[in-house]
PDB file of N, CA and C in Angstrom:
ATOM      1  N   MET A   1     -94.416 135.923 -27.303  1.00  0.00           N
ATOM      2  CA  MET A   1     -93.056 136.146 -27.642  1.00  0.00           C
ATOM      3  C   MET A   1     -92.029 134.935 -27.307  1.00  0.00           C
ATOM      4  N   LYS A   2     -91.164 134.751 -28.184  1.00  0.00           N
ATOM      5  CA  LYS A   2     -90.222 133.847 -28.124  1.00  0.00           C
ATOM      6  C   LYS A   2     -89.178 134.018 -27.076  1.00  0.00           C
ATOM      7  N   LYS A   3     -88.960 132.934 -26.314  1.00  0.00           N
ATOM      8  CA  LYS A   3     -87.980 133.167 -25.125  1.00  0.00           C
ATOM      9  C   LYS A   3     -86.551 133.202 -25.753  1.00  0.00           C
ATOM     10  N   GLN A   4     -85.671 133.867 -25.236  1.00  0.00           N
ATOM     11  CA  GLN A   4     -84.296 133.883 -25.474  1.00  0.00           C
ATOM     12  C   GLN A   4     -83.751 132.489 -24.716  1.00  0.00           C
ATOM     13  N   LYS A   5     -82.960 131.842 -25.491  1.00  0.00           N
ATOM     14  CA  LYS A   5     -82.232 130.626 -25.095  1.00  0.00           C
ATOM     15  C   LYS A   5     -80.830 130.811 -24.735  1.00  0.00           C
ATOM     16  N   ILE A   6     -80.525 130.789 -23.460  1.00  0.00           N
ATOM     17  CA  ILE A   6     -79.062 131.145 -23.122  1.00  0.00           C
ATOM     18  C   ILE A   6     -78.448 129.644 -22.401  1.00  0.00           C
ATOM     19  N   LEU A   7     -77.313 129.519 -22.762  1.00  0.00           N
ATOM     20  CA  LEU A   7     -76.536 128.332 -22.359  1.00  0.00           C
ATOM     21  C   LEU A   7     -75.383 128.750 -21.553  1.00  0.00           C
ATOM     22  N   PHE A   8     -75.132 128.219 -20.267  1.00  0.00           N
ATOM     23  CA  PHE A   8     -74.080 128.536 -19.528  1.00  0.00           C
ATOM     24  C   PHE A   8     -73.091 127.391 -19.514  1.00  0.00           C
ATOM     25  N   VAL A   9     -71.783 127.622 -19.694  1.00  0.00           N
ATOM     26  CA  VAL A   9     -70.929 126.576 -19.680  1.00  0.00           C
ATOM     27  C   VAL A   9     -69.619 126.739 -18.711  1.00  0.00           C
ATOM     28  N   CYS A  10     -69.403 125.784 -17.936  1.00  0.00           N
ATOM     29  CA  CYS A  10     -68.191 125.663 -17.089  1.00  0.00           C
ATOM     30  C   CYS A  10     -67.638 124.292 -17.373  1.00  0.00           C
ATOM     31  N   SER A  11     -66.656 123.901 -16.481  1.00  0.00           N
ATOM     32  CA  SER A  11     -65.995 122.431 -16.765  1.00  0.00           C
ATOM     33  C   SER A  11     -66.717 121.414 -16.357  1.00  0.00           C
ATOM     34  N   GLN A  12     -67.200 121.377 -15.080  1.00  0.00           N
ATOM     35  CA  GLN A  12     -67.932 120.198 -14.522  1.00  0.00           C
ATOM     36  C   GLN A  12     -69.415 120.246 -14.492  1.00  0.00           C
ATOM     37  N   ASN A  13     -69.992 121.458 -14.813  1.00  0.00           N
ATOM     38  CA  ASN A  13     -71.437 121.619 -14.541  1.00  0.00           C
ATOM     39  C   ASN A  13     -71.920 121.242 -13.327  1.00  0.00           C
ATOM     40  N   LYS A  14     -71.233 121.669 -12.151  1.00  0.00           N
ATOM     41  CA  LYS A  14     -71.624 121.362 -10.838  1.00  0.00           C
ATOM     42  C   LYS A  14     -71.793 122.705  -9.959  1.00  0.00           C
ATOM     43  N   LEU A  15     -71.078 123.675 -10.354  1.00  0.00           N
ATOM     44  CA  LEU A  15     -70.993 124.869  -9.490  1.00  0.00           C
ATOM     45  C   LEU A  15     -71.397 126.105 -10.205  1.00  0.00           C
ATOM     46  N   ARG A  16     -70.685 126.575 -11.159  1.00  0.00           N
ATOM     47  CA  ARG A  16     -70.757 127.912 -11.885  1.00  0.00           C
ATOM     48  C   ARG A  16     -72.032 127.932 -12.661  1.00  0.00           C
ATOM     49  N   SER A  17     -72.050 127.077 -13.715  1.00  0.00           N
ATOM     50  CA  SER A  17     -72.995 127.089 -14.742  1.00  0.00           C
ATOM     51  C   SER A  17     -74.492 126.676 -14.315  1.00  0.00           C
ATOM     52  N   PRO A  18     -74.628 125.765 -13.230  1.00  0.00           N
ATOM     53  CA  PRO A  18     -75.855 125.446 -12.723  1.00  0.00           C
ATOM     54  C   PRO A  18     -76.351 126.595 -11.840  1.00  0.00           C
ATOM     55  N   THR A  19     -75.554 127.323 -11.290  1.00  0.00           N
ATOM     56  CA  THR A  19     -75.914 128.473 -10.428  1.00  0.00           C
ATOM     57  C   THR A  19     -76.517 129.535 -11.527  1.00  0.00           C
ATOM     58  N   ALA A  20     -75.727 129.846 -12.574  1.00  0.00           N
ATOM     59  CA  ALA A  20     -76.223 130.773 -13.620  1.00  0.00           C
ATOM     60  C   ALA A  20     -77.496 130.245 -14.172  1.00  0.00           C
ATOM     61  N   GLU A  21     -77.621 129.011 -14.474  1.00  0.00           N
ATOM     62  CA  GLU A  21     -79.031 128.509 -15.034  1.00  0.00           C
ATOM     63  C   GLU A  21     -80.055 128.880 -14.083  1.00  0.00           C
ATOM     64  N   GLN A  22     -79.841 128.461 -12.887  1.00  0.00           N
ATOM     65  CA  GLN A  22     -80.859 128.723 -11.726  1.00  0.00           C
ATOM     66  C   GLN A  22     -81.189 130.130 -11.639  1.00  0.00           C
ATOM     67  N   VAL A  23     -80.336 131.054 -11.568  1.00  0.00           N
ATOM     68  CA  VAL A  23     -80.595 132.414 -11.453  1.00  0.00           C
ATOM     69  C   VAL A  23     -81.333 133.011 -12.775  1.00  0.00           C
ATOM     70  N   PHE A  24     -80.853 132.744 -13.861  1.00  0.00           N
ATOM     71  CA  PHE A  24     -81.437 133.387 -15.178  1.00  0.00           C
ATOM     72  C   PHE A  24     -82.768 132.689 -15.653  1.00  0.00           C
ATOM     73  N   SER A  25     -82.990 131.461 -15.206  1.00  0.00           N
ATOM     74  CA  SER A  25     -84.134 130.675 -15.551  1.00  0.00           C
ATOM     75  C   SER A  25     -85.454 131.441 -14.838  1.00  0.00           C
ATOM     76  N   GLN A  26     -85.102 132.306 -13.971  1.00  0.00           N
ATOM     77  CA  GLN A  26     -86.124 133.061 -13.277  1.00  0.00           C
ATOM     78  C   GLN A  26     -86.493 134.401 -13.962  1.00  0.00           C
ATOM     79  N   TYR A  27     -85.591 134.694 -14.909  1.00  0.00           N
ATOM     80  CA  TYR A  27     -85.774 136.179 -15.602  1.00  0.00           C
ATOM     81  C   TYR A  27     -86.929 135.862 -16.685  1.00  0.00           C
ATOM     82  N   PRO A  28     -87.767 136.871 -16.859  1.00  0.00           N
ATOM     83  CA  PRO A  28     -88.764 136.859 -17.745  1.00  0.00           C
ATOM     84  C   PRO A  28     -88.243 136.796 -19.219  1.00  0.00           C
ATOM     85  N   GLY A  29     -88.802 135.790 -20.103  1.00  0.00           N
ATOM     86  CA  GLY A  29     -88.546 135.913 -21.437  1.00  0.00           C
ATOM     87  C   GLY A  29     -87.103 135.148 -21.579  1.00  0.00           C
ATOM     88  N   ILE A  30     -86.582 134.343 -20.624  1.00  0.00           N
ATOM     89  CA  ILE A  30     -85.310 133.577 -20.712  1.00  0.00           C
ATOM     90  C   ILE A  30     -85.480 132.131 -20.479  1.00  0.00           C
ATOM     91  N   GLU A  31     -84.960 131.240 -21.334  1.00  0.00           N
ATOM     92  CA  GLU A  31     -84.991 129.869 -21.040  1.00  0.00           C
ATOM     93  C   GLU A  31     -83.446 129.436 -20.779  1.00  0.00           C
ATOM     94  N   ALA A  32     -83.073 129.113 -19.803  1.00  0.00           N
ATOM     95  CA  ALA A  32     -81.610 128.805 -19.523  1.00  0.00           C
ATOM     96  C   ALA A  32     -81.323 127.346 -19.287  1.00  0.00           C
ATOM     97  N   MET A  33     -80.112 126.981 -19.868  1.00  0.00           N
ATOM     98  CA  MET A  33     -79.611 125.632 -19.572  1.00  0.00           C
ATOM     99  C   MET A  33     -78.137 125.626 -19.328  1.00  0.00           C
ATOM    100  N   SER A  34     -77.637 124.535 -18.742  1.00  0.00           N
ATOM    101  CA  SER A  34     -76.179 124.624 -18.458  1.00  0.00           C
ATOM    102  C   SER A  34     -75.570 123.290 -18.833  1.00  0.00           C
ATOM    103  N   ALA A  35     -74.188 123.239 -19.090  1.00  0.00           N
ATOM    104  CA  ALA A  35     -73.560 122.171 -19.383  1.00  0.00           C
ATOM    105  C   ALA A  35     -72.034 122.434 -19.158  1.00  0.00           C
ATOM    106  N   GLY A  36     -71.117 121.245 -19.157  1.00  0.00           N
ATOM    107  CA  GLY A  36     -69.857 121.357 -18.885  1.00  0.00           C
ATOM    108  C   GLY A  36     -68.944 120.862 -19.947  1.00  0.00           C
ATOM    109  N   THR A  37     -67.898 121.398 -20.082  1.00  0.00           N
ATOM    110  CA  THR A  37     -66.886 121.089 -21.315  1.00  0.00           C
ATOM    111  C   THR A  37     -66.105 119.661 -20.895  1.00  0.00           C
ATOM    112  N   ASN A  38     -66.023 119.290 -19.635  1.00  0.00           N
ATOM    113  CA  ASN A  38     -65.329 117.911 -19.417  1.00  0.00           C
ATOM    114  C   ASN A  38     -66.256 116.759 -19.738  1.00  0.00           C
ATOM    115  N   ASN A  39     -65.712 115.773 -20.086  1.00  0.00           N
ATOM    116  CA  ASN A  39     -66.371 114.436 -20.422  1.00  0.00           C
ATOM    117  C   ASN A  39     -67.065 113.880 -19.350  1.00  0.00           C
ATOM    118  N   ASP A  40     -66.639 114.168 -18.088  1.00  0.00           N
ATOM    119  CA  ASP A  40     -67.343 113.668 -16.980  1.00  0.00           C
ATOM    120  C   ASP A  40     -68.194 114.641 -16.181  1.00  0.00           C
ATOM    121  N   ALA A  41     -68.553 115.783 -16.880  1.00  0.00           N
ATOM    122  CA  ALA A  41     -69.415 116.833 -16.400  1.00  0.00           C
ATOM    123  C   ALA A  41     -70.839 116.154 -16.252  1.00  0.00           C
ATOM    124  N   LEU A  42     -71.569 116.747 -15.312  1.00  0.00           N
ATOM    125  CA  LEU A  42     -72.951 116.256 -14.946  1.00  0.00           C
ATOM    126  C   LEU A  42     -73.844 116.243 -16.197  1.00  0.00           C
ATOM    127  N   THR A  43     -73.756 117.397 -17.027  1.00  0.00           N
ATOM    128  CA  THR A  43     -74.447 117.438 -18.323  1.00  0.00           C
ATOM    129  C   THR A  43     -73.312 117.914 -19.322  1.00  0.00           C
ATOM    130  N   PRO A  44     -72.730 116.858 -19.926  1.00  0.00           N
ATOM    131  CA  PRO A  44     -71.653 117.274 -21.033  1.00  0.00           C
ATOM    132  C   PRO A  44     -72.125 118.064 -22.119  1.00  0.00           C
ATOM    133  N   LEU A  45     -71.311 119.169 -22.520  1.00  0.00           N
ATOM    134  CA  LEU A  45     -71.772 119.888 -23.681  1.00  0.00           C
ATOM    135  C   LEU A  45     -71.671 119.152 -24.946  1.00  0.00           C
ATOM    136  N   ASN A  46     -72.702 119.266 -25.705  1.00  0.00           N
ATOM    137  CA  ASN A  46     -72.844 118.528 -27.034  1.00  0.00           C
ATOM    138  C   ASN A  46     -73.277 119.604 -28.038  1.00  0.00           C
ATOM    139  N   GLY A  47     -73.292 119.230 -29.408  1.00  0.00           N
ATOM    140  CA  GLY A  47     -73.565 119.890 -30.445  1.00  0.00           C
ATOM    141  C   GLY A  47     -75.049 120.318 -30.465  1.00  0.00           C
ATOM    142  N   GLU A  48     -75.851 119.501 -29.933  1.00  0.00           N
ATOM    143  CA  GLU A  48     -77.370 119.740 -29.870  1.00  0.00           C
ATOM    144  C   GLU A  48     -77.639 121.066 -28.931  1.00  0.00           C
ATOM    145  N   LEU A  49     -77.016 120.938 -27.749  1.00  0.00           N
ATOM    146  CA  LEU A  49     -77.118 122.018 -26.871  1.00  0.00           C
ATOM    147  C   LEU A  49     -76.591 123.431 -27.522  1.00  0.00           C
ATOM    148  N   VAL A  50     -75.455 123.216 -28.195  1.00  0.00           N
ATOM    149  CA  VAL A  50     -74.925 124.406 -28.747  1.00  0.00           C
ATOM    150  C   VAL A  50     -75.797 124.910 -29.921  1.00  0.00           C
ATOM    151  N   GLU A  51     -76.377 124.142 -30.786  1.00  0.00           N
ATOM    152  CA  GLU A  51     -77.405 124.629 -31.592  1.00  0.00           C
ATOM    153  C   GLU A  51     -78.727 125.159 -31.010  1.00  0.00           C
ATOM    154  N   TRP A  52     -79.043 124.574 -29.790  1.00  0.00           N
ATOM    155  CA  TRP A  52     -80.362 125.104 -29.107  1.00  0.00           C
ATOM    156  C   TRP A  52     -80.296 126.513 -28.693  1.00  0.00           C
ATOM    157  N   ALA A  53     -78.975 126.835 -28.390  1.00  0.00           N
ATOM    158  CA  ALA A  53     -78.836 128.098 -27.656  1.00  0.00           C
ATOM    159  C   ALA A  53     -78.862 129.357 -28.579  1.00  0.00           C
ATOM    160  N   ASP A  54     -79.306 130.444 -28.220  1.00  0.00           N
ATOM    161  CA  ASP A  54     -79.200 131.834 -28.818  1.00  0.00           C
ATOM    162  C   ASP A  54     -77.939 132.499 -28.499  1.00  0.00           C
ATOM    163  N   VAL A  55     -77.534 132.405 -27.287  1.00  0.00           N
ATOM    164  CA  VAL A  55     -76.279 132.991 -26.627  1.00  0.00           C
ATOM    165  C   VAL A  55     -75.644 131.970 -25.676  1.00  0.00           C
ATOM    166  N   ILE A  56     -74.383 131.901 -25.863  1.00  0.00           N
ATOM    167  CA  ILE A  56     -73.500 130.881 -25.022  1.00  0.00           C
ATOM    168  C   ILE A  56     -72.652 131.721 -24.055  1.00  0.00           C
ATOM    169  N   PHE A  57     -72.735 131.562 -22.823  1.00  0.00           N
ATOM    170  CA  PHE A  57     -71.770 132.224 -21.840  1.00  0.00           C
ATOM    171  C   PHE A  57     -70.891 131.097 -21.306  1.00  0.00           C
ATOM    172  N   VAL A  58     -69.643 131.375 -21.410  1.00  0.00           N
ATOM    173  CA  VAL A  58     -68.609 130.469 -20.855  1.00  0.00           C
ATOM    174  C   VAL A  58     -67.858 131.316 -19.511  1.00  0.00           C
ATOM    175  N   MET A  59     -67.415 130.375 -18.792  1.00  0.00           N
ATOM    176  CA  MET A  59     -66.960 131.015 -17.390  1.00  0.00           C
ATOM    177  C   MET A  59     -65.455 131.527 -17.652  1.00  0.00           C
ATOM    178  N   GLU A  60     -64.846 130.811 -18.472  1.00  0.00           N
ATOM    179  CA  GLU A  60     -63.192 131.061 -18.612  1.00  0.00           C
ATOM    180  C   GLU A  60     -62.845 130.909 -20.092  1.00  0.00           C
ATOM    181  N   LYS A  61     -61.647 131.447 -20.405  1.00  0.00           N
ATOM    182  CA  LYS A  61     -61.168 131.450 -21.675  1.00  0.00           C
ATOM    183  C   LYS A  61     -60.997 129.955 -22.204  1.00  0.00           C
ATOM    184  N   SER A  62     -60.531 129.175 -21.248  1.00  0.00           N
ATOM    185  CA  SER A  62     -60.320 127.700 -21.699  1.00  0.00           C
ATOM    186  C   SER A  62     -61.673 127.117 -22.201  1.00  0.00           C
ATOM    187  N   HIS A  63     -62.804 127.415 -21.620  1.00  0.00           N
ATOM    188  CA  HIS A  63     -64.176 127.038 -22.063  1.00  0.00           C
ATOM    189  C   HIS A  63     -64.403 127.505 -23.447  1.00  0.00           C
ATOM    190  N   LEU A  64     -64.027 128.784 -23.579  1.00  0.00           N
ATOM    191  CA  LEU A  64     -64.311 129.488 -24.974  1.00  0.00           C
ATOM    192  C   LEU A  64     -63.382 128.657 -26.047  1.00  0.00           C
ATOM    193  N   ASN A  65     -62.217 128.426 -25.799  1.00  0.00           N
ATOM    194  CA  ASN A  65     -61.500 127.731 -26.687  1.00  0.00           C
ATOM    195  C   ASN A  65     -61.923 126.223 -26.951  1.00  0.00           C
ATOM    196  N   LYS A  66     -62.452 125.569 -25.867  1.00  0.00           N
ATOM    197  CA  LYS A  66     -63.017 124.212 -26.229  1.00  0.00           C
ATOM    198  C   LYS A  66     -64.394 124.354 -27.025  1.00  0.00           C
ATOM    199  N   VAL A  67     -65.170 125.240 -26.696  1.00  0.00           N
ATOM    200  CA  VAL A  67     -66.424 125.471 -27.589  1.00  0.00           C
ATOM    201  C   VAL A  67     -66.144 125.763 -28.916  1.00  0.00           C
ATOM    202  N   ARG A  68     -65.189 126.806 -29.071  1.00  0.00           N
ATOM    203  CA  ARG A  68     -64.916 127.111 -30.498  1.00  0.00           C
ATOM    204  C   ARG A  68     -64.251 125.963 -31.278  1.00  0.00           C
ATOM    205  N   GLY A  69     -63.479 125.186 -30.568  1.00  0.00           N
ATOM    206  CA  GLY A  69     -62.552 124.153 -31.241  1.00  0.00           C
ATOM    207  C   GLY A  69     -63.580 122.904 -31.571  1.00  0.00           C
ATOM    208  N   LYS A  70     -64.263 122.524 -30.533  1.00  0.00           N
ATOM    209  CA  LYS A  70     -65.014 121.337 -30.699  1.00  0.00           C
ATOM    210  C   LYS A  70     -66.283 121.357 -31.264  1.00  0.00           C
ATOM    211  N   PHE A  71     -66.929 122.693 -31.207  1.00  0.00           N
ATOM    212  CA  PHE A  71     -68.428 122.767 -31.797  1.00  0.00           C
ATOM    213  C   PHE A  71     -68.610 123.898 -32.814  1.00  0.00           C
ATOM    214  N   LYS A  72     -67.331 124.134 -33.436  1.00  0.00           N
ATOM    215  CA  LYS A  72     -67.274 125.081 -34.576  1.00  0.00           C
ATOM    216  C   LYS A  72     -68.386 124.977 -35.502  1.00  0.00           C
ATOM    217  N   LYS A  73     -68.617 123.865 -36.060  1.00  0.00           N
ATOM    218  CA  LYS A  73     -69.783 123.950 -36.854  1.00  0.00           C
ATOM    219  C   LYS A  73     -71.169 124.030 -36.419  1.00  0.00           C
ATOM    220  N   HIS A  74     -71.310 123.991 -35.163  1.00  0.00           N
ATOM    221  CA  HIS A  74     -72.626 124.170 -34.484  1.00  0.00           C
ATOM    222  C   HIS A  74     -72.993 125.679 -34.192  1.00  0.00           C
ATOM    223  N   LEU A  75     -71.650 126.372 -34.303  1.00  0.00           N
ATOM    224  CA  LEU A  75     -71.805 127.777 -33.783  1.00  0.00           C
ATOM    225  C   LEU A  75     -72.629 128.821 -34.635  1.00  0.00           C
ATOM    226  N   ASN A  76     -72.286 128.619 -36.049  1.00  0.00           N
ATOM    227  CA  ASN A  76     -73.044 129.600 -36.995  1.00  0.00           C
ATOM    228  C   ASN A  76     -73.390 130.945 -36.491  1.00  0.00           C
ATOM    229  N   GLY A  77     -72.382 131.763 -36.370  1.00  0.00           N
ATOM    230  CA  GLY A  77     -72.524 133.135 -35.963  1.00  0.00           C
ATOM    231  C   GLY A  77     -73.216 133.436 -34.569  1.00  0.00           C
ATOM    232  N   LYS A  78     -73.298 132.349 -33.720  1.00  0.00           N
ATOM    233  CA  LYS A  78     -73.717 132.488 -32.602  1.00  0.00           C
ATOM    234  C   LYS A  78     -72.712 133.457 -31.609  1.00  0.00           C
ATOM    235  N   ARG A  79     -73.178 134.129 -30.660  1.00  0.00           N
ATOM    236  CA  ARG A  79     -72.325 134.935 -29.740  1.00  0.00           C
ATOM    237  C   ARG A  79     -71.864 133.882 -28.675  1.00  0.00           C
ATOM    238  N   VAL A  80     -70.630 133.906 -28.469  1.00  0.00           N
ATOM    239  CA  VAL A  80     -70.099 133.040 -27.310  1.00  0.00           C
ATOM    240  C   VAL A  80     -69.308 134.128 -26.535  1.00  0.00           C
ATOM    241  N   ILE A  81     -69.874 134.412 -25.268  1.00  0.00           N
ATOM    242  CA  ILE A  81     -69.350 135.361 -24.338  1.00  0.00           C
ATOM    243  C   ILE A  81     -68.620 134.746 -23.174  1.00  0.00           C
ATOM    244  N   CYS A  82     -67.435 135.292 -22.857  1.00  0.00           N
ATOM    245  CA  CYS A  82     -66.564 134.885 -21.851  1.00  0.00           C
ATOM    246  C   CYS A  82     -66.837 135.707 -20.613  1.00  0.00           C
ATOM    247  N   LEU A  83     -67.187 135.159 -19.490  1.00  0.00           N
ATOM    248  CA  LEU A  83     -67.611 136.034 -18.420  1.00  0.00           C
ATOM    249  C   LEU A  83     -66.321 136.155 -17.295  1.00  0.00           C
ATOM    250  N   ASN A  84     -65.297 135.421 -17.708  1.00  0.00           N
ATOM    251  CA  ASN A  84     -64.108 135.598 -16.790  1.00  0.00           C
ATOM    252  C   ASN A  84     -64.356 135.355 -15.359  1.00  0.00           C
ATOM    253  N   ILE A  85     -65.016 134.217 -15.068  1.00  0.00           N
ATOM    254  CA  ILE A  85     -65.518 133.970 -13.639  1.00  0.00           C
ATOM    255  C   ILE A  85     -64.663 132.678 -13.439  1.00  0.00           C
ATOM    256  N   PRO A  86     -63.621 132.786 -12.387  1.00  0.00           N
ATOM    257  CA  PRO A  86     -62.822 131.685 -11.919  1.00  0.00           C
ATOM    258  C   PRO A  86     -63.516 130.509 -11.266  1.00  0.00           C
ATOM    259  N   ASP A  87     -63.111 129.340 -10.957  1.00  0.00           N
ATOM    260  CA  ASP A  87     -63.651 128.243 -10.469  1.00  0.00           C
ATOM    261  C   ASP A  87     -63.336 128.481  -8.685  1.00  0.00           C
ATOM    262  N   ASP A  88     -63.873 129.552  -8.214  1.00  0.00           N
ATOM    263  CA  ASP A  88     -63.651 130.014  -6.863  1.00  0.00           C
ATOM    264  C   ASP A  88     -64.932 129.960  -5.950  1.00  0.00           C
ATOM    265  N   TYR A  89     -66.021 129.498  -6.523  1.00  0.00           N
ATOM    266  CA  TYR A  89     -67.268 129.470  -5.822  1.00  0.00           C
ATOM    267  C   TYR A  89     -68.027 128.264  -5.658  1.00  0.00           C
ATOM    268  N   ASP A  90     -68.860 128.193  -4.685  1.00  0.00           N
ATOM    269  CA  ASP A  90     -69.710 127.107  -4.367  1.00  0.00           C
ATOM    270  C   ASP A  90     -71.062 127.276  -5.231  1.00  0.00           C
ATOM    271  N   PHE A  91     -71.782 126.380  -5.235  1.00  0.00           N
ATOM    272  CA  PHE A  91     -73.160 126.421  -5.878  1.00  0.00           C
ATOM    273  C   PHE A  91     -73.997 127.323  -5.248  1.00  0.00           C
ATOM    274  N   MET A  92     -74.612 128.337  -5.890  1.00  0.00           N
ATOM    275  CA  MET A  92     -75.600 129.418  -5.446  1.00  0.00           C
ATOM    276  C   MET A  92     -74.751 130.381  -4.417  1.00  0.00           C
ATOM    277  N   ASP A  93     -73.372 130.478  -4.447  1.00  0.00           N
ATOM    278  CA  ASP A  93     -72.743 131.369  -3.698  1.00  0.00           C
ATOM    279  C   ASP A  93     -73.248 132.756  -3.926  1.00  0.00           C
ATOM    280  N   THR A  94     -73.466 133.470  -2.884  1.00  0.00           N
ATOM    281  CA  THR A  94     -73.916 134.866  -3.115  1.00  0.00           C
ATOM    282  C   THR A  94     -73.097 135.824  -3.966  1.00  0.00           C
ATOM    283  N   SER A  95     -71.721 135.548  -3.631  1.00  0.00           N
ATOM    284  CA  SER A  95     -70.768 136.397  -4.407  1.00  0.00           C
ATOM    285  C   SER A  95     -70.856 136.005  -5.907  1.00  0.00           C
ATOM    286  N   LEU A  96     -71.027 134.737  -6.263  1.00  0.00           N
ATOM    287  CA  LEU A  96     -71.052 134.192  -7.583  1.00  0.00           C
ATOM    288  C   LEU A  96     -72.415 134.731  -8.224  1.00  0.00           C
ATOM    289  N   VAL A  97     -73.558 134.830  -7.495  1.00  0.00           N
ATOM    290  CA  VAL A  97     -74.905 135.228  -8.047  1.00  0.00           C
ATOM    291  C   VAL A  97     -74.764 136.691  -8.364  1.00  0.00           C
ATOM    292  N   ARG A  98     -74.105 137.522  -7.436  1.00  0.00           N
ATOM    293  CA  ARG A  98     -73.891 138.948  -7.701  1.00  0.00           C
ATOM    294  C   ARG A  98     -73.125 139.136  -9.091  1.00  0.00           C
ATOM    295  N   LEU A  99     -71.963 138.406  -9.072  1.00  0.00           N
ATOM    296  CA  LEU A  99     -71.069 138.603 -10.199  1.00  0.00           C
ATOM    297  C   LEU A  99     -71.980 138.196 -11.585  1.00  0.00           C
ATOM    298  N   LEU A 100     -72.722 137.185 -11.542  1.00  0.00           N
ATOM    299  CA  LEU A 100     -73.391 136.789 -12.717  1.00  0.00           C
ATOM    300  C   LEU A 100     -74.415 137.835 -13.119  1.00  0.00           C
ATOM    301  N   GLU A 101     -75.094 138.313 -12.108  1.00  0.00           N
ATOM    302  CA  GLU A 101     -76.097 139.378 -12.237  1.00  0.00           C
ATOM    303  C   GLU A 101     -75.555 140.727 -12.832  1.00  0.00           C
ATOM    304  N   ALA A 102     -74.324 140.928 -12.531  1.00  0.00           N
ATOM    305  CA  ALA A 102     -73.572 142.100 -12.949  1.00  0.00           C
ATOM    306  C   ALA A 102     -73.085 142.037 -14.339  1.00  0.00           C
ATOM    307  N   ARG A 103     -72.667 140.812 -14.753  1.00  0.00           N
ATOM    308  CA  ARG A 103     -72.014 140.558 -16.029  1.00  0.00           C
ATOM    309  C   ARG A 103     -72.914 140.130 -17.181  1.00  0.00           C
ATOM    310  N   VAL A 104     -73.943 139.308 -16.939  1.00  0.00           N
ATOM    311  CA  VAL A 104     -74.784 138.714 -17.999  1.00  0.00           C
ATOM    312  C   VAL A 104     -75.922 139.680 -18.523  1.00  0.00           C
ATOM    313  N   PRO A 105     -76.665 140.322 -17.705  1.00  0.00           N
ATOM    314  CA  PRO A 105     -77.696 141.059 -18.559  1.00  0.00           C
ATOM    315  C   PRO A 105     -77.363 141.967 -19.609  1.00  0.00           C
ATOM    316  N   ARG A 106     -76.242 142.564 -19.569  1.00  0.00           N
ATOM    317  CA  ARG A 106     -76.061 143.568 -20.737  1.00  0.00           C
ATOM    318  C   ARG A 106     -75.897 142.782 -22.103  1.00  0.00           C
ATOM    319  N   TYR A 107     -75.847 141.541 -22.008  1.00  0.00           N
ATOM    320  CA  TYR A 107     -75.797 140.748 -23.358  1.00  0.00           C
ATOM    321  C   TYR A 107     -77.253 140.259 -23.759  1.00  0.00           C
ATOM    322  N   LEU A 108     -78.064 140.341 -22.911  1.00  0.00           N
ATOM    323  CA  LEU A 108     -79.495 139.699 -23.054  1.00  0.00           C
ATOM    324  C   LEU A 108     -80.435 140.654 -23.867  1.00  0.00           C
TER     325      LEU A 108
END
């Protein structure tokens, strides 16, 4: 069976999206990656990553706007879902993990 490829996007790719990548890469049938919209992100978002993903989860509306604006030609009918998770959490914060586990699975 083909794994579903999901991409998590935040600003710096240091806290929220790497946490989501770590949590969901444990799920059966899921391949997860993460990136950031800022140029100085640990893994900057690029067209190749956008094309790779089946579903893209962004943490905030600003990320949604950046993804749609900068990578429009790579989106081709892909779902981009805003999780509305503010930058208030540390990496692998238990509250963040619970929030992700509550909001993401319904879209998978």
